[in-house]
Amino acid sequence: MGLLANTALVHYAGWIGTPEIIIIVVIILLLFGGKKIPELMRGIGKGVKEFKDGIGEENDNKKPEDNNYNQKEK
């Protein structure tokens, strides 16, 4: 059964190609229109930037004592 599951994943990984991407783009254009898409992409870009900044702040807020504690355990 493990072999069948592995081959199924390989076949599933290649399901999206150029024709499918073109169809998706056309559907998005029909739903949102040409003028709304740059605004949507700008919003997504800002969201990704804020997410990355938030992750960076989380790493900056770690206390140095935490790192020393984890090293002493090893």
Protein backbone atom coordinates (compact mmCIF):
# COMPACT_ATOMS: atom_id res chain seq x y z
CA MET A 1 0.00 0.00 0.00
CA GLY A 2 2.90 2.39 0.70
CA LEU A 3 4.09 2.08 -2.89
CA LEU A 4 0.64 2.89 -4.24
CA ALA A 5 0.37 5.95 -2.03
CA ASN A 6 3.76 7.23 -3.20
CA THR A 7 2.94 6.82 -6.90
CA ALA A 8 -0.43 8.51 -6.39
CA LEU A 9 1.31 11.56 -4.91
CA VAL A 10 3.69 11.73 -7.86
CA HIS A 11 0.81 11.70 -10.32
CA TYR A 12 -1.15 14.24 -8.31
CA ALA A 13 1.77 16.69 -8.16
CA GLY A 14 1.61 17.33 -11.90
CA TRP A 15 -2.07 18.19 -12.24
CA ILE A 16 -1.63 21.92 -12.81
CA GLY A 17 -0.13 23.06 -16.08
CA THR A 18 -0.23 25.96 -18.51
CA PRO A 19 -3.84 25.44 -19.68
CA GLU A 20 -5.10 25.29 -16.10
CA ILE A 21 -3.21 28.46 -15.13
CA ILE A 22 -4.66 30.29 -18.15
CA ILE A 23 -8.17 29.20 -17.17
CA ILE A 24 -7.63 30.39 -13.59
CA VAL A 25 -6.33 33.78 -14.78
CA VAL A 26 -9.32 34.24 -17.11
CA ILE A 27 -11.75 33.40 -14.30
CA ILE A 28 -10.04 35.89 -11.98
CA LEU A 29 -10.21 38.57 -14.68
CA LEU A 30 -13.91 37.90 -15.19
CA LEU A 31 -14.66 37.98 -11.46
CA PHE A 32 -12.66 41.04 -10.45
CA GLY A 33 -12.02 42.98 -13.65
CA GLY A 34 -8.73 44.40 -14.87
CA LYS A 35 -8.79 47.48 -12.64
CA LYS A 36 -9.25 45.62 -9.35
CA ILE A 37 -6.43 43.10 -9.80
CA PRO A 38 -3.53 45.54 -9.11
CA GLU A 39 -5.30 46.62 -5.92
CA LEU A 40 -5.74 43.00 -4.86
CA MET A 41 -2.08 42.20 -5.55
CA ARG A 42 -0.97 45.31 -3.66
CA GLY A 43 -3.07 44.23 -0.67
CA ILE A 44 -1.64 40.72 -0.77
CA GLY A 45 1.89 42.14 -0.96
CA LYS A 46 1.28 44.35 2.07
CA GLY A 47 -0.13 41.40 3.98
CA VAL A 48 2.89 39.24 3.20
CA LYS A 49 5.24 42.08 4.21
CA GLU A 50 3.43 42.57 7.52
CA PHE A 51 3.55 38.82 8.14
CA LYS A 52 7.31 38.73 7.55
CA ASP A 53 7.80 41.79 9.76
CA GLY A 54 5.77 40.12 12.49
CA ILE A 55 7.90 36.99 12.32
CA GLY A 56 11.04 39.13 12.46
CA GLU A 57 9.78 40.99 15.52
CA GLU A 58 9.00 37.70 17.23
CA ASN A 59 12.59 36.54 16.73
CA ASP A 60 13.93 39.91 17.92
CA ASN A 61 11.83 39.75 21.11
CA LYS A 62 13.40 36.50 22.29
CA LYS A 63 15.36 36.93 25.49
CA PRO A 64 19.05 36.01 25.43
CA GLU A 65 18.48 34.03 28.60
CA ASP A 66 16.19 31.69 26.64
CA ASN A 67 19.01 30.76 24.26
CA ASN A 68 21.46 30.17 27.13
CA TYR A 69 18.92 28.01 28.92
CA ASN A 70 18.36 25.84 25.84
CA GLN A 71 22.11 25.43 25.30
CA LYS A 72 22.70 24.32 28.91
CA GLU A 73 20.10 21.54 28.56
CA LYS A 74 22.00 19.85 25.73
